[in-house]
Amino acid sequence: MTTLQYQQASERFMGQARQELAAGDLPQSSEKGWGAAAQILKAIAEQRGWEHSRHRHYLRIASRLRAETGDGDIRRLFGTASLLHENFYENEMMAEDVAGGLDDVQALIDKLLPLLTQA
């Protein structure tokens, strides 16, 4: 996939996450939120030539971006996305917590989008 395709996938997954939340499907909403975060990280990694083919690479990407920008929120917001991913399997989060998690994923995306145009 190209950088643009990853970016578009992130936007699509975020929209689907909100739809799933509205429909009450918290596991699917959670997983789509995680997917939105992962795809925006993959977009940046693709543009910069960083590895992004494995799950373990996402934490590395988030950590590199935190170090590069000095913005500790990148790592924290990525942690929230990881909790959403866990909720897909465990389904223990309440709807308001999933909604808050999706807000954090959107904040992460909003922080990372400008980095796509800078590189």
N, C-alpha and C. Protein backbone atom coordinates (compact mmCIF):
# COMPACT_ATOMS: atom_id res chain seq x y z
N MET A 1 0.84 -1.18 0.00
CA MET A 1 0.00 0.00 0.00
C MET A 1 0.88 1.25 0.00
N THR A 2 0.32 2.33 -0.45
CA THR A 2 1.03 3.60 -0.47
C THR A 2 0.71 4.40 0.80
N THR A 3 1.50 5.44 1.02
CA THR A 3 1.25 6.32 2.15
C THR A 3 -0.19 6.83 2.12
N LEU A 4 -0.64 7.28 0.96
CA LEU A 4 -2.01 7.80 0.83
C LEU A 4 -3.04 6.72 1.14
N GLN A 5 -2.82 5.51 0.69
CA GLN A 5 -3.76 4.42 0.96
C GLN A 5 -3.84 4.12 2.45
N TYR A 6 -2.70 4.14 3.14
CA TYR A 6 -2.72 3.94 4.59
C TYR A 6 -3.47 5.07 5.28
N GLN A 7 -3.24 6.29 4.84
CA GLN A 7 -3.93 7.44 5.42
C GLN A 7 -5.44 7.33 5.20
N GLN A 8 -5.84 6.97 4.00
CA GLN A 8 -7.27 6.81 3.70
C GLN A 8 -7.88 5.67 4.51
N ALA A 9 -7.14 4.59 4.70
CA ALA A 9 -7.62 3.47 5.51
C ALA A 9 -7.83 3.93 6.95
N SER A 10 -6.92 4.75 7.46
CA SER A 10 -7.06 5.28 8.81
C SER A 10 -8.36 6.07 8.95
N GLU A 11 -8.61 6.94 7.98
CA GLU A 11 -9.84 7.75 8.01
C GLU A 11 -11.09 6.87 7.92
N ARG A 12 -11.03 5.87 7.04
CA ARG A 12 -12.17 4.96 6.86
C ARG A 12 -12.44 4.17 8.15
N PHE A 13 -11.37 3.64 8.76
CA PHE A 13 -11.55 2.88 10.00
C PHE A 13 -12.09 3.75 11.12
N MET A 14 -11.66 5.01 11.17
CA MET A 14 -12.17 5.89 12.22
C MET A 14 -13.67 6.12 12.05
N GLY A 15 -14.10 6.32 10.82
CA GLY A 15 -15.53 6.47 10.57
C GLY A 15 -16.31 5.22 10.92
N GLN A 16 -15.76 4.07 10.59
CA GLN A 16 -16.41 2.80 10.92
C GLN A 16 -16.45 2.59 12.43
N ALA A 17 -15.41 3.01 13.13
CA ALA A 17 -15.38 2.88 14.59
C ALA A 17 -16.52 3.65 15.21
N ARG A 18 -16.76 4.86 14.72
CA ARG A 18 -17.87 5.67 15.26
C ARG A 18 -19.23 5.03 14.94
N GLN A 19 -19.35 4.48 13.76
CA GLN A 19 -20.61 3.80 13.39
C GLN A 19 -20.85 2.58 14.27
N GLU A 20 -19.81 1.80 14.48
CA GLU A 20 -19.95 0.60 15.33
C GLU A 20 -20.29 0.99 16.77
N LEU A 21 -19.70 2.08 17.24
CA LEU A 21 -20.02 2.56 18.58
C LEU A 21 -21.49 2.94 18.67
N ALA A 22 -21.98 3.68 17.68
CA ALA A 22 -23.39 4.09 17.66
C ALA A 22 -24.33 2.88 17.61
N ALA A 23 -23.88 1.81 16.95
CA ALA A 23 -24.69 0.59 16.84
C ALA A 23 -24.57 -0.29 18.09
N GLY A 24 -23.66 0.08 19.01
CA GLY A 24 -23.49 -0.67 20.24
C GLY A 24 -22.54 -1.86 20.15
N ASP A 25 -21.82 -1.97 19.05
CA ASP A 25 -20.86 -3.07 18.90
C ASP A 25 -19.50 -2.58 19.39
N LEU A 26 -19.29 -2.70 20.69
CA LEU A 26 -18.08 -2.16 21.30
C LEU A 26 -16.80 -2.88 20.87
N PRO A 27 -16.81 -4.21 20.74
CA PRO A 27 -15.58 -4.86 20.27
C PRO A 27 -15.19 -4.40 18.87
N GLN A 28 -16.13 -4.31 17.96
CA GLN A 28 -15.80 -3.88 16.59
C GLN A 28 -15.41 -2.41 16.55
N SER A 29 -16.08 -1.60 17.35
CA SER A 29 -15.71 -0.19 17.44
C SER A 29 -14.28 -0.05 17.93
N SER A 30 -13.95 -0.83 18.96
CA SER A 30 -12.61 -0.80 19.52
C SER A 30 -11.57 -1.21 18.49
N GLU A 31 -11.84 -2.28 17.78
CA GLU A 31 -10.86 -2.77 16.81
C GLU A 31 -10.68 -1.81 15.65
N LYS A 32 -11.75 -1.18 15.22
CA LYS A 32 -11.63 -0.19 14.14
C LYS A 32 -10.84 1.03 14.62
N GLY A 33 -11.02 1.40 15.89
CA GLY A 33 -10.22 2.49 16.44
C GLY A 33 -8.75 2.14 16.45
N TRP A 34 -8.43 0.94 16.89
CA TRP A 34 -7.05 0.46 16.84
C TRP A 34 -6.54 0.49 15.40
N GLY A 35 -7.35 0.01 14.49
CA GLY A 35 -6.94 -0.02 13.09
C GLY A 35 -6.64 1.36 12.55
N ALA A 36 -7.44 2.34 12.95
CA ALA A 36 -7.21 3.71 12.50
C ALA A 36 -5.85 4.21 12.98
N ALA A 37 -5.51 3.91 14.23
CA ALA A 37 -4.22 4.32 14.77
C ALA A 37 -3.08 3.60 14.06
N ALA A 38 -3.23 2.30 13.87
CA ALA A 38 -2.17 1.52 13.22
C ALA A 38 -1.94 2.00 11.79
N GLN A 39 -3.00 2.31 11.08
CA GLN A 39 -2.86 2.72 9.69
C GLN A 39 -2.18 4.08 9.54
N ILE A 40 -2.44 5.01 10.47
CA ILE A 40 -1.76 6.30 10.36
C ILE A 40 -0.28 6.14 10.68
N LEU A 41 0.05 5.26 11.61
CA LEU A 41 1.46 4.97 11.89
C LEU A 41 2.13 4.33 10.68
N LYS A 42 1.41 3.43 10.02
CA LYS A 42 1.95 2.78 8.83
C LYS A 42 2.15 3.81 7.70
N ALA A 43 1.27 4.78 7.60
CA ALA A 43 1.41 5.82 6.57
C ALA A 43 2.72 6.58 6.77
N ILE A 44 2.99 6.98 8.00
CA ILE A 44 4.21 7.73 8.29
C ILE A 44 5.44 6.84 8.06
N ALA A 45 5.35 5.62 8.54
CA ALA A 45 6.48 4.69 8.38
C ALA A 45 6.75 4.41 6.90
N GLU A 46 5.72 4.26 6.13
CA GLU A 46 5.88 4.02 4.69
C GLU A 46 6.59 5.20 4.04
N GLN A 47 6.16 6.40 4.38
CA GLN A 47 6.75 7.61 3.80
C GLN A 47 8.23 7.75 4.18
N ARG A 48 8.57 7.30 5.36
CA ARG A 48 9.94 7.48 5.85
C ARG A 48 10.83 6.26 5.64
N GLY A 49 10.27 5.20 5.09
CA GLY A 49 11.05 4.00 4.85
C GLY A 49 11.32 3.17 6.09
N TRP A 50 10.49 3.32 7.10
CA TRP A 50 10.63 2.56 8.34
C TRP A 50 9.86 1.25 8.23
N GLU A 51 10.33 0.25 8.95
CA GLU A 51 9.62 -1.03 8.98
C GLU A 51 8.24 -0.84 9.61
N HIS A 52 7.25 -1.54 9.04
CA HIS A 52 5.90 -1.45 9.60
C HIS A 52 5.07 -2.67 9.26
N SER A 53 5.73 -3.78 8.98
CA SER A 53 5.01 -4.97 8.55
C SER A 53 4.60 -5.88 9.71
N ARG A 54 5.01 -5.59 10.90
CA ARG A 54 4.69 -6.42 12.06
C ARG A 54 4.07 -5.58 13.17
N HIS A 55 3.27 -6.22 13.97
CA HIS A 55 2.59 -5.56 15.08
C HIS A 55 3.59 -4.86 15.99
N ARG A 56 4.73 -5.48 16.24
CA ARG A 56 5.73 -4.91 17.16
C ARG A 56 6.31 -3.61 16.64
N HIS A 57 6.21 -3.37 15.35
CA HIS A 57 6.78 -2.15 14.77
C HIS A 57 6.00 -0.90 15.19
N TYR A 58 4.72 -1.03 15.49
CA TYR A 58 3.90 0.14 15.79
C TYR A 58 4.40 0.89 17.02
N LEU A 59 4.77 0.15 18.07
CA LEU A 59 5.30 0.80 19.26
C LEU A 59 6.60 1.52 18.93
N ARG A 60 7.44 0.90 18.14
CA ARG A 60 8.70 1.54 17.72
C ARG A 60 8.43 2.83 16.95
N ILE A 61 7.47 2.77 16.05
CA ILE A 61 7.14 3.97 15.26
C ILE A 61 6.65 5.09 16.17
N ALA A 62 5.72 4.74 17.08
CA ALA A 62 5.19 5.75 18.01
C ALA A 62 6.31 6.32 18.87
N SER A 63 7.22 5.48 19.32
CA SER A 63 8.33 5.95 20.16
C SER A 63 9.28 6.85 19.37
N ARG A 64 9.56 6.49 18.12
CA ARG A 64 10.42 7.33 17.29
C ARG A 64 9.79 8.70 17.05
N LEU A 65 8.49 8.70 16.81
CA LEU A 65 7.80 9.97 16.57
C LEU A 65 7.75 10.82 17.83
N ARG A 66 7.58 10.18 18.98
CA ARG A 66 7.62 10.92 20.25
C ARG A 66 8.98 11.56 20.43
N ALA A 67 10.04 10.79 20.18
CA ALA A 67 11.40 11.32 20.32
C ALA A 67 11.67 12.45 19.33
N GLU A 68 11.19 12.28 18.11
CA GLU A 68 11.41 13.27 17.06
C GLU A 68 10.71 14.59 17.36
N THR A 69 9.48 14.49 17.85
CA THR A 69 8.67 15.69 18.06
C THR A 69 8.76 16.24 19.48
N GLY A 70 9.19 15.40 20.43
CA GLY A 70 9.18 15.80 21.83
C GLY A 70 7.78 15.78 22.43
N ASP A 71 6.83 15.22 21.72
CA ASP A 71 5.43 15.20 22.16
C ASP A 71 5.12 13.85 22.82
N GLY A 72 5.15 13.84 24.15
CA GLY A 72 4.87 12.62 24.91
C GLY A 72 3.46 12.11 24.74
N ASP A 73 2.56 12.97 24.29
CA ASP A 73 1.18 12.52 24.08
C ASP A 73 1.09 11.47 22.98
N ILE A 74 2.02 11.47 22.04
CA ILE A 74 1.97 10.48 20.96
C ILE A 74 2.02 9.08 21.55
N ARG A 75 2.94 8.85 22.45
CA ARG A 75 3.08 7.53 23.07
C ARG A 75 1.88 7.20 23.94
N ARG A 76 1.40 8.17 24.69
CA ARG A 76 0.24 7.95 25.57
C ARG A 76 -1.01 7.64 24.76
N LEU A 77 -1.24 8.40 23.70
CA LEU A 77 -2.42 8.18 22.86
C LEU A 77 -2.34 6.84 22.13
N PHE A 78 -1.13 6.46 21.74
CA PHE A 78 -0.96 5.13 21.14
C PHE A 78 -1.29 4.05 22.16
N GLY A 79 -0.95 4.28 23.41
CA GLY A 79 -1.30 3.33 24.47
C GLY A 79 -2.80 3.15 24.59
N THR A 80 -3.54 4.21 24.43
CA THR A 80 -5.01 4.11 24.45
C THR A 80 -5.49 3.27 23.28
N ALA A 81 -4.90 3.47 22.11
CA ALA A 81 -5.27 2.65 20.94
C ALA A 81 -5.00 1.18 21.22
N SER A 82 -3.91 0.90 21.89
CA SER A 82 -3.59 -0.49 22.25
C SER A 82 -4.63 -1.08 23.19
N LEU A 83 -5.13 -0.26 24.11
CA LEU A 83 -6.20 -0.73 25.00
C LEU A 83 -7.46 -1.05 24.21
N LEU A 84 -7.75 -0.27 23.19
CA LEU A 84 -8.90 -0.57 22.34
C LEU A 84 -8.70 -1.91 21.64
N HIS A 85 -7.49 -2.16 21.18
CA HIS A 85 -7.18 -3.44 20.52
C HIS A 85 -7.42 -4.60 21.49
N GLU A 86 -6.99 -4.42 22.72
CA GLU A 86 -7.22 -5.44 23.75
C GLU A 86 -8.71 -5.64 23.99
N ASN A 87 -9.47 -4.56 23.97
CA ASN A 87 -10.91 -4.67 24.21
C ASN A 87 -11.62 -5.48 23.14
N PHE A 88 -11.09 -5.51 21.94
CA PHE A 88 -11.67 -6.35 20.90
C PHE A 88 -11.74 -7.79 21.37
N TYR A 89 -10.73 -8.23 22.08
CA TYR A 89 -10.67 -9.61 22.55
C TYR A 89 -11.38 -9.82 23.88
N GLU A 90 -11.34 -8.82 24.74
CA GLU A 90 -11.86 -8.98 26.10
C GLU A 90 -13.27 -8.42 26.29
N ASN A 91 -13.63 -7.40 25.53
CA ASN A 91 -14.95 -6.77 25.61
C ASN A 91 -15.34 -6.41 27.04
N GLU A 92 -14.45 -5.70 27.71
CA GLU A 92 -14.71 -5.31 29.10
C GLU A 92 -14.90 -3.81 29.27
N MET A 93 -14.66 -3.03 28.24
CA MET A 93 -14.79 -1.58 28.36
C MET A 93 -16.26 -1.17 28.23
N MET A 94 -16.60 -0.13 28.95
CA MET A 94 -17.94 0.44 28.85
C MET A 94 -17.98 1.36 27.63
N ALA A 95 -19.18 1.62 27.15
CA ALA A 95 -19.35 2.42 25.93
C ALA A 95 -18.67 3.78 26.05
N GLU A 96 -18.79 4.43 27.19
CA GLU A 96 -18.17 5.76 27.33
C GLU A 96 -16.65 5.67 27.31
N ASP A 97 -16.10 4.55 27.76
CA ASP A 97 -14.66 4.37 27.71
C ASP A 97 -14.18 4.13 26.28
N VAL A 98 -14.95 3.36 25.52
CA VAL A 98 -14.62 3.16 24.11
C VAL A 98 -14.72 4.51 23.38
N ALA A 99 -15.77 5.27 23.67
CA ALA A 99 -15.93 6.59 23.03
C ALA A 99 -14.73 7.49 23.36
N GLY A 100 -14.31 7.50 24.62
CA GLY A 100 -13.15 8.29 25.01
C GLY A 100 -11.88 7.80 24.32
N GLY A 101 -11.77 6.48 24.18
CA GLY A 101 -10.63 5.91 23.47
C GLY A 101 -10.60 6.34 22.02
N LEU A 102 -11.76 6.37 21.40
CA LEU A 102 -11.83 6.82 20.01
C LEU A 102 -11.46 8.30 19.89
N ASP A 103 -11.86 9.08 20.88
CA ASP A 103 -11.44 10.50 20.89
C ASP A 103 -9.93 10.61 20.98
N ASP A 104 -9.31 9.76 21.79
CA ASP A 104 -7.85 9.77 21.89
C ASP A 104 -7.20 9.34 20.58
N VAL A 105 -7.77 8.35 19.93
CA VAL A 105 -7.23 7.92 18.63
C VAL A 105 -7.34 9.07 17.63
N GLN A 106 -8.46 9.78 17.65
CA GLN A 106 -8.59 10.92 16.74
C GLN A 106 -7.56 11.99 17.06
N ALA A 107 -7.31 12.21 18.34
CA ALA A 107 -6.27 13.18 18.74
C ALA A 107 -4.90 12.73 18.24
N LEU A 108 -4.62 11.43 18.30
CA LEU A 108 -3.36 10.90 17.79
C LEU A 108 -3.25 11.15 16.29
N ILE A 109 -4.31 10.84 15.57
CA ILE A 109 -4.33 11.05 14.12
C ILE A 109 -4.10 12.53 13.80
N ASP A 110 -4.79 13.40 14.55
CA ASP A 110 -4.65 14.84 14.32
C ASP A 110 -3.21 15.31 14.56
N LYS A 111 -2.52 14.72 15.52
CA LYS A 111 -1.12 15.07 15.79
C LYS A 111 -0.20 14.55 14.69
N LEU A 112 -0.52 13.37 14.12
CA LEU A 112 0.38 12.74 13.18
C LEU A 112 0.18 13.17 11.74
N LEU A 113 -1.01 13.57 11.38
CA LEU A 113 -1.25 13.99 9.99
C LEU A 113 -0.29 15.05 9.50
N PRO A 114 0.01 16.09 10.29
CA PRO A 114 0.95 17.10 9.80
C PRO A 114 2.35 16.54 9.52
N LEU A 115 2.71 15.45 10.19
CA LEU A 115 4.02 14.85 9.96
C LEU A 115 4.10 14.22 8.58
N LEU A 116 2.97 13.86 8.01
CA LEU A 116 2.97 13.30 6.67
C LEU A 116 3.35 14.33 5.62
N THR A 117 2.95 15.56 5.83
CA THR A 117 3.24 16.61 4.86
C THR A 117 4.63 17.19 5.03
N GLN A 118 5.23 16.98 6.22
CA GLN A 118 6.55 17.55 6.49
C GLN A 118 7.68 16.76 5.84
N ALA A 119 7.50 15.45 5.76
CA ALA A 119 8.61 14.60 5.29
C ALA A 119 8.79 14.69 3.79
